[in-house]
Each structure stands twice: as C-alpha cells, then as structure tokens.
Amino acid sequence: MTDKTPAERRRRRQEMSKHTKELSDVVRAKHIQYGLLPFRCNDEYDKCVRKQKKRRKSFYLCYLALYICLANSMTSLLAAIALAKAGGHLG
C-alpha cells in the first residue's frame, strides 16, 4: 500500500487529529459568537475517546463522529451568518 513506516503514519495521524481539534475549536467559537445552541462536538468526541481507550479500541469511529457533528453544525452556523449579513450586522 504505502511505503511509510509506522512512525511516519502515527505522526501523520497525530497531525490530522491536531488540525481537526483546531477546526472544531474555531467552529465552537463561531457558535458562541452567533449565540447558537451549545456546541457539543468536542465534548462528545472526548467522551468517545475515553470510552475507546478503556476498551483499547481504535479512535476511528470517534473521528468519524466528530466529522459528522462538525458538518451538521456548519449548516446552522452558515444560516446564522447569512441572517446576520442580511440584517446588516456584518461588514
């Protein structure tokens, strides 16, 4: 498949995890800025990771759930931004 070593693959997974968490932090800040419902994606992800660690299982499903949660939360966030712009609240 690939010619990368396990250490390189692990480093890449850690880098992707870091970027995903950074993205979710930005989305959380925007949710707070626009006064939307509580943003629970990070909390649900952390809960999933703790559960998977206890079971000694892969975090793949946790990442998948985080991506789905982020995608779903973007719908309401984009709608709130469009409403704010239509109302003249954004420059």
PDB file of N, CA and C in Angstrom:
ATOM      1  N   MET A   1       0.815  -1.191   0.000  1.00  0.00           N
ATOM      2  CA  MET A   1       0.000   0.000   0.000  1.00  0.00           C
ATOM      3  C   MET A   1       0.862   1.259   0.000  1.00  0.00           C
ATOM      4  N   THR A   2       1.470   1.548   1.128  1.00  0.00           N
ATOM      5  CA  THR A   2       2.316   2.725   1.172  1.00  0.00           C
ATOM      6  C   THR A   2       3.696   2.312   1.658  1.00  0.00           C
ATOM      7  N   ASP A   3       4.635   3.163   1.414  1.00  0.00           N
ATOM      8  CA  ASP A   3       5.999   2.866   1.831  1.00  0.00           C
ATOM      9  C   ASP A   3       6.376   3.629   3.095  1.00  0.00           C
ATOM     10  N   LYS A   4       5.382   4.138   3.811  1.00  0.00           N
ATOM     11  CA  LYS A   4       5.660   4.881   5.038  1.00  0.00           C
ATOM     12  C   LYS A   4       5.840   3.919   6.203  1.00  0.00           C
ATOM     13  N   THR A   5       6.706   4.315   7.114  1.00  0.00           N
ATOM     14  CA  THR A   5       6.939   3.497   8.297  1.00  0.00           C
ATOM     15  C   THR A   5       5.805   3.720   9.291  1.00  0.00           C
ATOM     16  N   PRO A   6       5.659   2.815  10.246  1.00  0.00           N
ATOM     17  CA  PRO A   6       4.620   3.016  11.267  1.00  0.00           C
ATOM     18  C   PRO A   6       4.780   4.345  12.014  1.00  0.00           C
ATOM     19  N   ALA A   7       5.999   4.761  12.260  1.00  0.00           N
ATOM     20  CA  ALA A   7       6.227   6.027  12.958  1.00  0.00           C
ATOM     21  C   ALA A   7       5.742   7.213  12.118  1.00  0.00           C
ATOM     22  N   GLU A   8       5.977   7.150  10.811  1.00  0.00           N
ATOM     23  CA  GLU A   8       5.508   8.226   9.923  1.00  0.00           C
ATOM     24  C   GLU A   8       3.989   8.260   9.861  1.00  0.00           C
ATOM     25  N   ARG A   9       3.360   7.087   9.811  1.00  0.00           N
ATOM     26  CA  ARG A   9       1.899   7.040   9.784  1.00  0.00           C
ATOM     27  C   ARG A   9       1.318   7.571  11.093  1.00  0.00           C
ATOM     28  N   ARG A  10       1.949   7.220  12.213  1.00  0.00           N
ATOM     29  CA  ARG A  10       1.488   7.693  13.514  1.00  0.00           C
ATOM     30  C   ARG A  10       1.612   9.212  13.599  1.00  0.00           C
ATOM     31  N   ARG A  11       2.718   9.751  13.129  1.00  0.00           N
ATOM     32  CA  ARG A  11       2.936  11.203  13.125  1.00  0.00           C
ATOM     33  C   ARG A  11       1.876  11.901  12.274  1.00  0.00           C
ATOM     34  N   ARG A  12       1.548  11.314  11.135  1.00  0.00           N
ATOM     35  CA  ARG A  12       0.529  11.885  10.246  1.00  0.00           C
ATOM     36  C   ARG A  12      -0.852  11.864  10.903  1.00  0.00           C
ATOM     37  N   ARG A  13      -1.183  10.754  11.572  1.00  0.00           N
ATOM     38  CA  ARG A  13      -2.470  10.669  12.273  1.00  0.00           C
ATOM     39  C   ARG A  13      -2.549  11.699  13.394  1.00  0.00           C
ATOM     40  N   GLN A  14      -1.448  11.886  14.124  1.00  0.00           N
ATOM     41  CA  GLN A  14      -1.438  12.874  15.197  1.00  0.00           C
ATOM     42  C   GLN A  14      -1.604  14.285  14.646  1.00  0.00           C
ATOM     43  N   GLU A  15      -0.980  14.552  13.516  1.00  0.00           N
ATOM     44  CA  GLU A  15      -1.102  15.857  12.876  1.00  0.00           C
ATOM     45  C   GLU A  15      -2.546  16.102  12.428  1.00  0.00           C
ATOM     46  N   MET A  16      -3.176  15.103  11.838  1.00  0.00           N
ATOM     47  CA  MET A  16      -4.566  15.238  11.407  1.00  0.00           C
ATOM     48  C   MET A  16      -5.477  15.453  12.612  1.00  0.00           C
ATOM     49  N   SER A  17      -5.218  14.750  13.693  1.00  0.00           N
ATOM     50  CA  SER A  17      -6.015  14.906  14.902  1.00  0.00           C
ATOM     51  C   SER A  17      -5.900  16.325  15.446  1.00  0.00           C
ATOM     52  N   LYS A  18      -4.691  16.857  15.433  1.00  0.00           N
ATOM     53  CA  LYS A  18      -4.459  18.222  15.925  1.00  0.00           C
ATOM     54  C   LYS A  18      -5.238  19.233  15.074  1.00  0.00           C
ATOM     55  N   HIS A  19      -5.185  19.084  13.766  1.00  0.00           N
ATOM     56  CA  HIS A  19      -5.886  20.012  12.875  1.00  0.00           C
ATOM     57  C   HIS A  19      -7.402  19.899  13.031  1.00  0.00           C
ATOM     58  N   THR A  20      -7.890  18.702  13.222  1.00  0.00           N
ATOM     59  CA  THR A  20      -9.323  18.504  13.401  1.00  0.00           C
ATOM     60  C   THR A  20      -9.794  19.177  14.686  1.00  0.00           C
ATOM     61  N   LYS A  21      -9.040  19.026  15.759  1.00  0.00           N
ATOM     62  CA  LYS A  21      -9.402  19.662  17.020  1.00  0.00           C
ATOM     63  C   LYS A  21      -9.340  21.183  16.892  1.00  0.00           C
ATOM     64  N   GLU A  22      -8.353  21.696  16.163  1.00  0.00           N
ATOM     65  CA  GLU A  22      -8.268  23.146  15.941  1.00  0.00           C
ATOM     66  C   GLU A  22      -9.494  23.637  15.178  1.00  0.00           C
ATOM     67  N   LEU A  23      -9.908  22.898  14.157  1.00  0.00           N
ATOM     68  CA  LEU A  23     -11.090  23.260  13.392  1.00  0.00           C
ATOM     69  C   LEU A  23     -12.328  23.270  14.280  1.00  0.00           C
ATOM     70  N   SER A  24     -12.470  22.265  15.113  1.00  0.00           N
ATOM     71  CA  SER A  24     -13.644  22.217  15.982  1.00  0.00           C
ATOM     72  C   SER A  24     -13.628  23.353  17.000  1.00  0.00           C
ATOM     73  N   ASP A  25     -12.444  23.785  17.435  1.00  0.00           N
ATOM     74  CA  ASP A  25     -12.356  24.933  18.343  1.00  0.00           C
ATOM     75  C   ASP A  25     -12.814  26.215  17.648  1.00  0.00           C
ATOM     76  N   VAL A  26     -12.462  26.371  16.374  1.00  0.00           N
ATOM     77  CA  VAL A  26     -12.896  27.545  15.605  1.00  0.00           C
ATOM     78  C   VAL A  26     -14.408  27.526  15.429  1.00  0.00           C
ATOM     79  N   VAL A  27     -14.959  26.361  15.106  1.00  0.00           N
ATOM     80  CA  VAL A  27     -16.406  26.253  14.930  1.00  0.00           C
ATOM     81  C   VAL A  27     -17.119  26.539  16.251  1.00  0.00           C
ATOM     82  N   ARG A  28     -16.562  26.060  17.357  1.00  0.00           N
ATOM     83  CA  ARG A  28     -17.147  26.329  18.673  1.00  0.00           C
ATOM     84  C   ARG A  28     -17.170  27.832  18.949  1.00  0.00           C
ATOM     85  N   ALA A  29     -16.085  28.522  18.639  1.00  0.00           N
ATOM     86  CA  ALA A  29     -16.020  29.970  18.857  1.00  0.00           C
ATOM     87  C   ALA A  29     -17.075  30.700  18.027  1.00  0.00           C
ATOM     88  N   LYS A  30     -17.258  30.269  16.794  1.00  0.00           N
ATOM     89  CA  LYS A  30     -18.271  30.891  15.934  1.00  0.00           C
ATOM     90  C   LYS A  30     -19.683  30.620  16.460  1.00  0.00           C
ATOM     91  N   HIS A  31     -19.911  29.426  16.985  1.00  0.00           N
ATOM     92  CA  HIS A  31     -21.215  29.120  17.565  1.00  0.00           C
ATOM     93  C   HIS A  31     -21.503  30.065  18.731  1.00  0.00           C
ATOM     94  N   ILE A  32     -20.508  30.299  19.555  1.00  0.00           N
ATOM     95  CA  ILE A  32     -20.670  31.207  20.690  1.00  0.00           C
ATOM     96  C   ILE A  32     -20.893  32.629  20.187  1.00  0.00           C
ATOM     97  N   GLN A  33     -20.125  33.025  19.178  1.00  0.00           N
ATOM     98  CA  GLN A  33     -20.237  34.376  18.624  1.00  0.00           C
ATOM     99  C   GLN A  33     -21.647  34.658  18.119  1.00  0.00           C
ATOM    100  N   TYR A  34     -22.268  33.692  17.470  1.00  0.00           N
ATOM    101  CA  TYR A  34     -23.591  33.896  16.896  1.00  0.00           C
ATOM    102  C   TYR A  34     -24.717  33.430  17.812  1.00  0.00           C
ATOM    103  N   GLY A  35     -24.391  33.043  19.031  1.00  0.00           N
ATOM    104  CA  GLY A  35     -25.405  32.678  20.012  1.00  0.00           C
ATOM    105  C   GLY A  35     -26.224  31.457  19.634  1.00  0.00           C
ATOM    106  N   LEU A  36     -25.610  30.485  19.018  1.00  0.00           N
ATOM    107  CA  LEU A  36     -26.312  29.268  18.614  1.00  0.00           C
ATOM    108  C   LEU A  36     -26.374  28.278  19.776  1.00  0.00           C
ATOM    109  N   LEU A  37     -27.108  27.205  19.572  1.00  0.00           N
ATOM    110  CA  LEU A  37     -27.224  26.176  20.594  1.00  0.00           C
ATOM    111  C   LEU A  37     -25.843  25.699  21.026  1.00  0.00           C
ATOM    112  N   PRO A  38     -25.771  25.122  22.206  1.00  0.00           N
ATOM    113  CA  PRO A  38     -24.457  24.659  22.685  1.00  0.00           C
ATOM    114  C   PRO A  38     -23.763  23.749  21.670  1.00  0.00           C
ATOM    115  N   PHE A  39     -22.481  23.936  21.531  1.00  0.00           N
ATOM    116  CA  PHE A  39     -21.666  23.150  20.608  1.00  0.00           C
ATOM    117  C   PHE A  39     -21.093  21.979  21.384  1.00  0.00           C
ATOM    118  N   ARG A  40     -21.528  20.786  21.064  1.00  0.00           N
ATOM    119  CA  ARG A  40     -21.151  19.610  21.851  1.00  0.00           C
ATOM    120  C   ARG A  40     -20.209  18.656  21.127  1.00  0.00           C
ATOM    121  N   CYS A  41     -19.767  18.999  19.951  1.00  0.00           N
ATOM    122  CA  CYS A  41     -18.940  18.067  19.177  1.00  0.00           C
ATOM    123  C   CYS A  41     -17.669  17.679  19.930  1.00  0.00           C
ATOM    124  N   ASN A  42     -16.961  18.655  20.491  1.00  0.00           N
ATOM    125  CA  ASN A  42     -15.715  18.353  21.200  1.00  0.00           C
ATOM    126  C   ASN A  42     -15.973  17.476  22.415  1.00  0.00           C
ATOM    127  N   ASP A  43     -17.031  17.789  23.161  1.00  0.00           N
ATOM    128  CA  ASP A  43     -17.350  17.010  24.354  1.00  0.00           C
ATOM    129  C   ASP A  43     -17.700  15.571  23.997  1.00  0.00           C
ATOM    130  N   GLU A  44     -18.480  15.399  22.943  1.00  0.00           N
ATOM    131  CA  GLU A  44     -18.847  14.056  22.505  1.00  0.00           C
ATOM    132  C   GLU A  44     -17.616  13.292  22.015  1.00  0.00           C
ATOM    133  N   TYR A  45     -16.736  14.001  21.311  1.00  0.00           N
ATOM    134  CA  TYR A  45     -15.506  13.365  20.830  1.00  0.00           C
ATOM    135  C   TYR A  45     -14.647  12.904  22.009  1.00  0.00           C
ATOM    136  N   ASP A  46     -14.449  13.792  22.991  1.00  0.00           N
ATOM    137  CA  ASP A  46     -13.627  13.443  24.153  1.00  0.00           C
ATOM    138  C   ASP A  46     -14.214  12.257  24.913  1.00  0.00           C
ATOM    139  N   LYS A  47     -15.529  12.231  25.040  1.00  0.00           N
ATOM    140  CA  LYS A  47     -16.207  11.122  25.717  1.00  0.00           C
ATOM    141  C   LYS A  47     -15.982   9.818  24.946  1.00  0.00           C
ATOM    142  N   CYS A  48     -16.088   9.887  23.635  1.00  0.00           N
ATOM    143  CA  CYS A  48     -15.870   8.709  22.791  1.00  0.00           C
ATOM    144  C   CYS A  48     -14.437   8.195  22.921  1.00  0.00           C
ATOM    145  N   VAL A  49     -13.476   9.114  22.913  1.00  0.00           N
ATOM    146  CA  VAL A  49     -12.070   8.710  23.019  1.00  0.00           C
ATOM    147  C   VAL A  49     -11.812   8.031  24.363  1.00  0.00           C
ATOM    148  N   ARG A  50     -12.353   8.589  25.441  1.00  0.00           N
ATOM    149  CA  ARG A  50     -12.172   7.959  26.759  1.00  0.00           C
ATOM    150  C   ARG A  50     -12.741   6.544  26.767  1.00  0.00           C
ATOM    151  N   LYS A  51     -13.918   6.382  26.173  1.00  0.00           N
ATOM    152  CA  LYS A  51     -14.560   5.071  26.126  1.00  0.00           C
ATOM    153  C   LYS A  51     -13.722   4.094  25.302  1.00  0.00           C
ATOM    154  N   GLN A  52     -13.220   4.558  24.159  1.00  0.00           N
ATOM    155  CA  GLN A  52     -12.422   3.685  23.298  1.00  0.00           C
ATOM    156  C   GLN A  52     -11.084   3.324  23.954  1.00  0.00           C
ATOM    157  N   LYS A  53     -10.510   4.251  24.715  1.00  0.00           N
ATOM    158  CA  LYS A  53      -9.256   3.939  25.420  1.00  0.00           C
ATOM    159  C   LYS A  53      -9.478   2.830  26.436  1.00  0.00           C
ATOM    160  N   LYS A  54     -10.596   2.903  27.156  1.00  0.00           N
ATOM    161  CA  LYS A  54     -10.900   1.852  28.133  1.00  0.00           C
ATOM    162  C   LYS A  54     -11.034   0.506  27.449  1.00  0.00           C
ATOM    163  N   ARG A  55     -11.624   0.503  26.270  1.00  0.00           N
ATOM    164  CA  ARG A  55     -11.822  -0.737  25.517  1.00  0.00           C
ATOM    165  C   ARG A  55     -10.596  -1.141  24.714  1.00  0.00           C
ATOM    166  N   ARG A  56      -9.596  -0.256  24.677  1.00  0.00           N
ATOM    167  CA  ARG A  56      -8.390  -0.468  23.863  1.00  0.00           C
ATOM    168  C   ARG A  56      -8.733  -0.667  22.396  1.00  0.00           C
ATOM    169  N   LYS A  57      -9.616   0.198  21.907  1.00  0.00           N
ATOM    170  CA  LYS A  57     -10.065   0.146  20.514  1.00  0.00           C
ATOM    171  C   LYS A  57      -9.567   1.384  19.772  1.00  0.00           C
ATOM    172  N   SER A  58      -9.701   1.347  18.470  1.00  0.00           N
ATOM    173  CA  SER A  58      -9.293   2.457  17.606  1.00  0.00           C
ATOM    174  C   SER A  58     -10.211   3.658  17.808  1.00  0.00           C
ATOM    175  N   PHE A  59      -9.666   4.852  17.579  1.00  0.00           N
ATOM    176  CA  PHE A  59     -10.436   6.085  17.695  1.00  0.00           C
ATOM    177  C   PHE A  59     -11.101   6.460  16.373  1.00  0.00           C
ATOM    178  N   TYR A  60     -11.024   5.593  15.384  1.00  0.00           N
ATOM    179  CA  TYR A  60     -11.550   5.908  14.055  1.00  0.00           C
ATOM    180  C   TYR A  60     -13.016   6.337  14.114  1.00  0.00           C
ATOM    181  N   LEU A  61     -13.837   5.595  14.837  1.00  0.00           N
ATOM    182  CA  LEU A  61     -15.255   5.941  14.923  1.00  0.00           C
ATOM    183  C   LEU A  61     -15.463   7.282  15.613  1.00  0.00           C
ATOM    184  N   CYS A  62     -14.584   7.619  16.549  1.00  0.00           N
ATOM    185  CA  CYS A  62     -14.680   8.917  17.221  1.00  0.00           C
ATOM    186  C   CYS A  62     -14.403  10.041  16.229  1.00  0.00           C
ATOM    187  N   TYR A  63     -13.385   9.865  15.398  1.00  0.00           N
ATOM    188  CA  TYR A  63     -13.081  10.866  14.376  1.00  0.00           C
ATOM    189  C   TYR A  63     -14.231  11.003  13.384  1.00  0.00           C
ATOM    190  N   LEU A  64     -14.775   9.885  12.985  1.00  0.00           N
ATOM    191  CA  LEU A  64     -15.891   9.896  12.050  1.00  0.00           C
ATOM    192  C   LEU A  64     -17.086  10.640  12.648  1.00  0.00           C
ATOM    193  N   ALA A  65     -17.393  10.359  13.908  1.00  0.00           N
ATOM    194  CA  ALA A  65     -18.497  11.047  14.582  1.00  0.00           C
ATOM    195  C   ALA A  65     -18.210  12.546  14.703  1.00  0.00           C
ATOM    196  N   LEU A  66     -16.958  12.913  14.955  1.00  0.00           N
ATOM    197  CA  LEU A  66     -16.594  14.328  15.054  1.00  0.00           C
ATOM    198  C   LEU A  66     -16.789  15.024  13.716  1.00  0.00           C
ATOM    199  N   TYR A  67     -16.360  14.403  12.629  1.00  0.00           N
ATOM    200  CA  TYR A  67     -16.551  14.992  11.294  1.00  0.00           C
ATOM    201  C   TYR A  67     -18.035  15.180  10.977  1.00  0.00           C
ATOM    202  N   ILE A  68     -18.842  14.185  11.301  1.00  0.00           N
ATOM    203  CA  ILE A  68     -20.281  14.291  11.049  1.00  0.00           C
ATOM    204  C   ILE A  68     -20.894  15.399  11.890  1.00  0.00           C
ATOM    205  N   CYS A  69     -20.500  15.480  13.141  1.00  0.00           N
ATOM    206  CA  CYS A  69     -21.010  16.522  14.032  1.00  0.00           C
ATOM    207  C   CYS A  69     -20.608  17.905  13.519  1.00  0.00           C
ATOM    208  N   LEU A  70     -19.352  18.052  13.084  1.00  0.00           N
ATOM    209  CA  LEU A  70     -18.904  19.338  12.542  1.00  0.00           C
ATOM    210  C   LEU A  70     -19.694  19.713  11.297  1.00  0.00           C
ATOM    211  N   ALA A  71     -19.926  18.743  10.434  1.00  0.00           N
ATOM    212  CA  ALA A  71     -20.688  19.016   9.207  1.00  0.00           C
ATOM    213  C   ALA A  71     -22.116  19.452   9.539  1.00  0.00           C
ATOM    214  N   ASN A  72     -22.742  18.771  10.480  1.00  0.00           N
ATOM    215  CA  ASN A  72     -24.098  19.132  10.868  1.00  0.00           C
ATOM    216  C   ASN A  72     -24.145  20.512  11.522  1.00  0.00           C
ATOM    217  N   SER A  73     -23.147  20.835  12.310  1.00  0.00           N
ATOM    218  CA  SER A  73     -23.150  22.128  12.993  1.00  0.00           C
ATOM    219  C   SER A  73     -22.877  23.273  12.020  1.00  0.00           C
ATOM    220  N   MET A  74     -22.208  22.986  10.928  1.00  0.00           N
ATOM    221  CA  MET A  74     -21.913  24.042   9.949  1.00  0.00           C
ATOM    222  C   MET A  74     -23.179  24.536   9.272  1.00  0.00           C
ATOM    223  N   THR A  75     -24.179  23.686   9.131  1.00  0.00           N
ATOM    224  CA  THR A  75     -25.433  24.095   8.498  1.00  0.00           C
ATOM    225  C   THR A  75     -26.072  25.245   9.267  1.00  0.00           C
ATOM    226  N   SER A  76     -26.215  25.064  10.575  1.00  0.00           N
ATOM    227  CA  SER A  76     -26.828  26.122  11.380  1.00  0.00           C
ATOM    228  C   SER A  76     -25.923  27.339  11.482  1.00  0.00           C
ATOM    229  N   LEU A  77     -24.616  27.126  11.503  1.00  0.00           N
ATOM    230  CA  LEU A  77     -23.684  28.246  11.583  1.00  0.00           C
ATOM    231  C   LEU A  77     -23.742  29.098  10.317  1.00  0.00           C
ATOM    232  N   LEU A  78     -23.760  28.462   9.160  1.00  0.00           N
ATOM    233  CA  LEU A  78     -23.837  29.208   7.905  1.00  0.00           C
ATOM    234  C   LEU A  78     -25.162  29.953   7.784  1.00  0.00           C
ATOM    235  N   ALA A  79     -26.235  29.348   8.263  1.00  0.00           N
ATOM    236  CA  ALA A  79     -27.533  30.030   8.245  1.00  0.00           C
ATOM    237  C   ALA A  79     -27.512  31.259   9.149  1.00  0.00           C
ATOM    238  N   ALA A  80     -26.888  31.150  10.318  1.00  0.00           N
ATOM    239  CA  ALA A  80     -26.807  32.287  11.236  1.00  0.00           C
ATOM    240  C   ALA A  80     -25.966  33.411  10.643  1.00  0.00           C
ATOM    241  N   ILE A  81     -24.882  33.051   9.968  1.00  0.00           N
ATOM    242  CA  ILE A  81     -24.031  34.067   9.328  1.00  0.00           C
ATOM    243  C   ILE A  81     -24.805  34.756   8.214  1.00  0.00           C
ATOM    244  N   ALA A  82     -25.556  33.991   7.435  1.00  0.00           N
ATOM    245  CA  ALA A  82     -26.346  34.586   6.334  1.00  0.00           C
ATOM    246  C   ALA A  82     -27.406  35.528   6.890  1.00  0.00           C
ATOM    247  N   LEU A  83     -28.053  35.157   7.982  1.00  0.00           N
ATOM    248  CA  LEU A  83     -29.052  36.022   8.600  1.00  0.00           C
ATOM    249  C   LEU A  83     -28.420  37.313   9.133  1.00  0.00           C
ATOM    250  N   ALA A  84     -27.257  37.163   9.753  1.00  0.00           N
ATOM    251  CA  ALA A  84     -26.575  38.348  10.282  1.00  0.00           C
ATOM    252  C   ALA A  84     -26.164  39.286   9.155  1.00  0.00           C
ATOM    253  N   LYS A  85     -25.704  38.701   8.080  1.00  0.00           N
ATOM    254  CA  LYS A  85     -25.289  39.540   6.934  1.00  0.00           C
ATOM    255  C   LYS A  85     -26.501  40.215   6.297  1.00  0.00           C
ATOM    256  N   ALA A  86     -27.597  39.484   6.165  1.00  0.00           N
ATOM    257  CA  ALA A  86     -28.813  40.050   5.588  1.00  0.00           C
ATOM    258  C   ALA A  86     -29.377  41.166   6.458  1.00  0.00           C
ATOM    259  N   GLY A  87     -29.169  41.034   7.767  1.00  0.00           N
ATOM    260  CA  GLY A  87     -29.642  42.049   8.695  1.00  0.00           C
ATOM    261  C   GLY A  87     -28.699  43.230   8.818  1.00  0.00           C
ATOM    262  N   GLY A  88     -27.599  43.196   8.098  1.00  0.00           N
ATOM    263  CA  GLY A  88     -26.638  44.305   8.117  1.00  0.00           C
ATOM    264  C   GLY A  88     -25.690  44.295   9.310  1.00  0.00           C
ATOM    265  N   HIS A  89     -25.564  43.144   9.989  1.00  0.00           N
ATOM    266  CA  HIS A  89     -24.686  43.071  11.152  1.00  0.00           C
ATOM    267  C   HIS A  89     -23.241  42.809  10.782  1.00  0.00           C
ATOM    268  N   LEU A  90     -22.995  42.346   9.575  1.00  0.00           N
ATOM    269  CA  LEU A  90     -21.625  42.109   9.137  1.00  0.00           C
ATOM    270  C   LEU A  90     -21.259  43.135   8.072  1.00  0.00           C
ATOM    271  N   GLY A  91     -19.978  43.453   8.029  1.00  0.00           N
ATOM    272  CA  GLY A  91     -19.489  44.441   7.074  1.00  0.00           C
ATOM    273  C   GLY A  91     -19.425  43.888   5.731  1.00  0.00           C
TER     274      GLY A  91
END
